[in-house]
Amino acid sequence: MDKDDLGNVEFVGKVKTQTFKQFQLERLIKEGKVIPASKLAEAKALELQRIRDFEASVEDEERNLKSATMAPKDKLLNLPLTRERFED
């Protein structure tokens, strides 16, 4: 190659280079076979939060069942009066 052949070459940016290990690790992460430690910590924190929320909802449900009053059996028989639509 001569310098004349490279006369119209333009700079477009840096070429990204990576080692084979980096490429292989990125491929394993994309395929879901490997989970990065940061994602694992986030998943663990999310799971602990779900467990706490579930336990709190169980306690709320138990309190509600103890304090809730039963509806009267004749509730459906004593429905409130409704108005008929007026037509001309």
N, C-alpha and C. Protein backbone atom coordinates (compact mmCIF):
# COMPACT_ATOMS: atom_id res chain seq x y z
N MET A 1 0.84 -1.19 0.00
CA MET A 1 0.00 0.00 0.00
C MET A 1 0.88 1.24 0.00
N ASP A 2 0.46 2.19 -0.75
CA ASP A 2 1.15 3.47 -0.80
C ASP A 2 0.43 4.47 0.06
N LYS A 3 1.07 5.56 0.35
CA LYS A 3 0.42 6.64 1.06
C LYS A 3 -0.68 7.25 0.22
N ASP A 4 -0.59 7.13 -1.07
CA ASP A 4 -1.62 7.67 -1.96
C ASP A 4 -2.94 6.92 -1.78
N ASP A 5 -2.88 5.63 -1.47
CA ASP A 5 -4.10 4.84 -1.29
C ASP A 5 -4.86 5.26 -0.03
N LEU A 6 -4.19 5.80 0.95
CA LEU A 6 -4.81 6.18 2.22
C LEU A 6 -5.16 7.67 2.26
N GLY A 7 -5.18 8.33 1.14
CA GLY A 7 -5.44 9.76 1.10
C GLY A 7 -6.84 10.15 1.52
N ASN A 8 -7.83 9.32 1.28
CA ASN A 8 -9.21 9.67 1.60
C ASN A 8 -9.72 8.98 2.88
N VAL A 9 -8.83 8.50 3.73
CA VAL A 9 -9.22 7.83 4.98
C VAL A 9 -9.57 8.90 6.01
N GLU A 10 -10.70 8.67 6.72
CA GLU A 10 -11.15 9.60 7.74
C GLU A 10 -11.18 8.90 9.10
N PHE A 11 -10.94 9.67 10.15
CA PHE A 11 -10.99 9.16 11.52
C PHE A 11 -12.46 9.06 11.95
N VAL A 12 -12.90 7.90 12.39
CA VAL A 12 -14.29 7.73 12.81
C VAL A 12 -14.42 7.45 14.29
N GLY A 13 -13.36 7.17 14.98
CA GLY A 13 -13.46 6.91 16.41
C GLY A 13 -12.50 5.82 16.83
N LYS A 14 -12.53 5.51 18.11
CA LYS A 14 -11.63 4.48 18.62
C LYS A 14 -12.19 3.09 18.31
N VAL A 15 -11.31 2.17 18.12
CA VAL A 15 -11.69 0.78 17.93
C VAL A 15 -11.73 0.14 19.31
N LYS A 16 -12.85 -0.51 19.61
CA LYS A 16 -12.99 -1.14 20.92
C LYS A 16 -12.32 -2.51 20.86
N THR A 17 -11.39 -2.69 21.75
CA THR A 17 -10.72 -3.99 21.82
C THR A 17 -10.99 -4.59 23.19
N GLN A 18 -11.09 -5.88 23.22
CA GLN A 18 -11.29 -6.58 24.49
C GLN A 18 -10.64 -7.94 24.40
N THR A 19 -10.30 -8.46 25.54
CA THR A 19 -9.68 -9.77 25.57
C THR A 19 -10.73 -10.84 25.36
N PHE A 20 -10.27 -12.04 25.08
CA PHE A 20 -11.20 -13.15 24.88
C PHE A 20 -11.99 -13.43 26.15
N LYS A 21 -11.35 -13.29 27.31
CA LYS A 21 -12.05 -13.52 28.58
C LYS A 21 -13.20 -12.53 28.75
N GLN A 22 -12.95 -11.24 28.43
CA GLN A 22 -14.00 -10.23 28.54
C GLN A 22 -15.15 -10.55 27.59
N PHE A 23 -14.80 -10.94 26.36
CA PHE A 23 -15.83 -11.28 25.37
C PHE A 23 -16.64 -12.48 25.84
N GLN A 24 -15.97 -13.49 26.34
CA GLN A 24 -16.64 -14.70 26.81
C GLN A 24 -17.54 -14.39 28.01
N LEU A 25 -17.08 -13.55 28.92
CA LEU A 25 -17.88 -13.18 30.09
C LEU A 25 -19.12 -12.41 29.67
N GLU A 26 -18.99 -11.47 28.74
CA GLU A 26 -20.15 -10.73 28.25
C GLU A 26 -21.16 -11.66 27.59
N ARG A 27 -20.65 -12.64 26.84
CA ARG A 27 -21.55 -13.59 26.17
C ARG A 27 -22.30 -14.44 27.20
N LEU A 28 -21.62 -14.89 28.24
CA LEU A 28 -22.26 -15.69 29.29
C LEU A 28 -23.31 -14.87 30.04
N ILE A 29 -23.02 -13.58 30.27
CA ILE A 29 -23.99 -12.72 30.96
C ILE A 29 -25.23 -12.53 30.10
N LYS A 30 -25.04 -12.30 28.79
CA LYS A 30 -26.18 -12.11 27.88
C LYS A 30 -27.03 -13.36 27.80
N GLU A 31 -26.39 -14.52 27.83
CA GLU A 31 -27.13 -15.79 27.75
C GLU A 31 -27.81 -16.14 29.07
N GLY A 32 -27.44 -15.46 30.14
CA GLY A 32 -28.05 -15.70 31.43
C GLY A 32 -27.44 -16.85 32.20
N LYS A 33 -26.29 -17.32 31.76
CA LYS A 33 -25.63 -18.43 32.46
C LYS A 33 -24.84 -17.94 33.67
N VAL A 34 -24.44 -16.68 33.65
CA VAL A 34 -23.66 -16.09 34.73
C VAL A 34 -24.36 -14.82 35.18
N ILE A 35 -24.40 -14.60 36.49
CA ILE A 35 -25.00 -13.39 37.04
C ILE A 35 -23.90 -12.59 37.72
N PRO A 36 -23.73 -11.32 37.35
CA PRO A 36 -22.73 -10.49 38.04
C PRO A 36 -23.06 -10.33 39.52
N ALA A 37 -22.05 -10.12 40.33
CA ALA A 37 -22.24 -10.02 41.78
C ALA A 37 -23.17 -8.86 42.14
N SER A 38 -23.09 -7.76 41.40
CA SER A 38 -23.95 -6.62 41.71
C SER A 38 -25.42 -6.97 41.47
N LYS A 39 -25.70 -7.69 40.39
CA LYS A 39 -27.08 -8.12 40.10
C LYS A 39 -27.55 -9.13 41.14
N LEU A 40 -26.64 -9.98 41.59
CA LEU A 40 -26.99 -10.98 42.59
C LEU A 40 -27.36 -10.31 43.91
N ALA A 41 -26.62 -9.26 44.28
CA ALA A 41 -26.93 -8.53 45.52
C ALA A 41 -28.27 -7.83 45.39
N GLU A 42 -28.56 -7.25 44.22
CA GLU A 42 -29.86 -6.60 44.00
C GLU A 42 -30.99 -7.61 44.09
N ALA A 43 -30.80 -8.78 43.49
CA ALA A 43 -31.83 -9.82 43.53
C ALA A 43 -32.07 -10.29 44.96
N LYS A 44 -31.00 -10.42 45.74
CA LYS A 44 -31.15 -10.86 47.13
C LYS A 44 -31.90 -9.82 47.95
N ALA A 45 -31.55 -8.53 47.75
CA ALA A 45 -32.25 -7.46 48.47
C ALA A 45 -33.72 -7.41 48.08
N LEU A 46 -34.02 -7.60 46.80
CA LEU A 46 -35.41 -7.61 46.34
C LEU A 46 -36.18 -8.77 46.94
N GLU A 47 -35.55 -9.94 47.01
CA GLU A 47 -36.20 -11.11 47.59
C GLU A 47 -36.47 -10.91 49.08
N LEU A 48 -35.52 -10.33 49.80
CA LEU A 48 -35.74 -10.05 51.23
C LEU A 48 -36.88 -9.05 51.43
N GLN A 49 -36.96 -8.05 50.56
CA GLN A 49 -38.05 -7.07 50.64
C GLN A 49 -39.40 -7.74 50.38
N ARG A 50 -39.45 -8.66 49.41
CA ARG A 50 -40.70 -9.40 49.13
C ARG A 50 -41.12 -10.24 50.32
N ILE A 51 -40.15 -10.87 50.98
CA ILE A 51 -40.46 -11.69 52.15
C ILE A 51 -41.02 -10.82 53.27
N ARG A 52 -40.38 -9.64 53.50
CA ARG A 52 -40.88 -8.73 54.54
C ARG A 52 -42.29 -8.24 54.22
N ASP A 53 -42.53 -7.89 52.96
CA ASP A 53 -43.86 -7.43 52.55
C ASP A 53 -44.90 -8.53 52.73
N PHE A 54 -44.53 -9.77 52.39
CA PHE A 54 -45.47 -10.88 52.54
C PHE A 54 -45.80 -11.11 54.01
N GLU A 55 -44.79 -11.09 54.87
CA GLU A 55 -45.04 -11.29 56.30
C GLU A 55 -45.91 -10.17 56.87
N ALA A 56 -45.69 -8.94 56.42
CA ALA A 56 -46.52 -7.82 56.88
C ALA A 56 -47.96 -7.99 56.40
N SER A 57 -48.13 -8.46 55.17
CA SER A 57 -49.50 -8.65 54.67
C SER A 57 -50.21 -9.78 55.40
N VAL A 58 -49.48 -10.80 55.82
CA VAL A 58 -50.08 -11.89 56.60
C VAL A 58 -50.56 -11.36 57.94
N GLU A 59 -49.74 -10.54 58.59
CA GLU A 59 -50.13 -9.97 59.88
C GLU A 59 -51.35 -9.06 59.72
N ASP A 60 -51.37 -8.25 58.66
CA ASP A 60 -52.52 -7.38 58.41
C ASP A 60 -53.79 -8.20 58.18
N GLU A 61 -53.66 -9.29 57.43
CA GLU A 61 -54.82 -10.14 57.16
C GLU A 61 -55.34 -10.77 58.44
N GLU A 62 -54.43 -11.23 59.29
CA GLU A 62 -54.86 -11.84 60.55
C GLU A 62 -55.56 -10.80 61.43
N ARG A 63 -55.01 -9.58 61.49
CA ARG A 63 -55.66 -8.52 62.27
C ARG A 63 -57.03 -8.18 61.71
N ASN A 64 -57.13 -8.15 60.40
CA ASN A 64 -58.39 -7.82 59.76
C ASN A 64 -59.45 -8.89 60.05
N LEU A 65 -59.03 -10.15 60.01
CA LEU A 65 -59.99 -11.23 60.27
C LEU A 65 -60.49 -11.18 61.71
N LYS A 66 -59.61 -10.78 62.65
CA LYS A 66 -60.02 -10.70 64.05
C LYS A 66 -60.95 -9.53 64.31
N SER A 67 -60.70 -8.40 63.62
CA SER A 67 -61.46 -7.19 63.93
C SER A 67 -62.65 -6.96 62.99
N ALA A 68 -62.72 -7.68 61.90
CA ALA A 68 -63.80 -7.45 60.93
C ALA A 68 -65.12 -7.97 61.49
N THR A 69 -66.18 -7.22 61.25
CA THR A 69 -67.51 -7.67 61.67
C THR A 69 -68.20 -8.33 60.49
N MET A 70 -68.96 -9.32 60.79
CA MET A 70 -69.67 -10.05 59.74
C MET A 70 -70.86 -9.23 59.25
N ALA A 71 -71.13 -9.30 57.98
CA ALA A 71 -72.27 -8.60 57.40
C ALA A 71 -73.56 -9.31 57.81
N PRO A 72 -74.64 -8.57 58.03
CA PRO A 72 -75.90 -9.22 58.39
C PRO A 72 -76.41 -10.10 57.24
N LYS A 73 -77.10 -11.17 57.60
CA LYS A 73 -77.57 -12.12 56.59
C LYS A 73 -78.66 -11.52 55.71
N ASP A 74 -79.44 -10.61 56.26
CA ASP A 74 -80.53 -10.05 55.47
C ASP A 74 -80.11 -8.78 54.72
N LYS A 75 -78.84 -8.57 54.54
CA LYS A 75 -78.35 -7.37 53.88
C LYS A 75 -78.83 -7.28 52.44
N LEU A 76 -78.86 -8.40 51.76
CA LEU A 76 -79.31 -8.39 50.37
C LEU A 76 -80.83 -8.20 50.26
N LEU A 77 -81.56 -8.52 51.31
CA LEU A 77 -83.01 -8.34 51.26
C LEU A 77 -83.40 -6.89 51.47
N ASN A 78 -82.62 -6.13 52.20
CA ASN A 78 -82.93 -4.73 52.51
C ASN A 78 -82.08 -3.78 51.65
N LEU A 79 -82.20 -3.93 50.35
CA LEU A 79 -81.45 -3.06 49.46
C LEU A 79 -82.04 -1.65 49.49
N PRO A 80 -81.22 -0.62 49.30
CA PRO A 80 -81.77 0.74 49.28
C PRO A 80 -82.66 0.95 48.05
N LEU A 81 -83.60 1.88 48.20
CA LEU A 81 -84.51 2.17 47.09
C LEU A 81 -83.75 2.87 45.98
N THR A 82 -84.10 2.54 44.74
CA THR A 82 -83.46 3.18 43.60
C THR A 82 -84.50 3.93 42.79
N ARG A 83 -84.07 4.93 42.09
CA ARG A 83 -85.00 5.75 41.28
C ARG A 83 -85.06 5.22 39.87
N GLU A 84 -86.27 5.23 39.34
CA GLU A 84 -86.46 4.88 37.93
C GLU A 84 -86.14 6.07 37.07
N ARG A 85 -85.64 5.86 35.89
CA ARG A 85 -85.34 6.95 34.97
C ARG A 85 -86.65 7.55 34.46
N PHE A 86 -86.75 8.88 34.47
CA PHE A 86 -87.95 9.57 34.00
C PHE A 86 -87.94 9.64 32.49
N GLU A 87 -89.04 9.21 31.88
CA GLU A 87 -89.14 9.25 30.41
C GLU A 87 -90.37 10.07 30.02
N ASP A 88 -90.24 10.89 28.97
CA ASP A 88 -91.36 11.70 28.45
C ASP A 88 -92.14 10.93 27.42
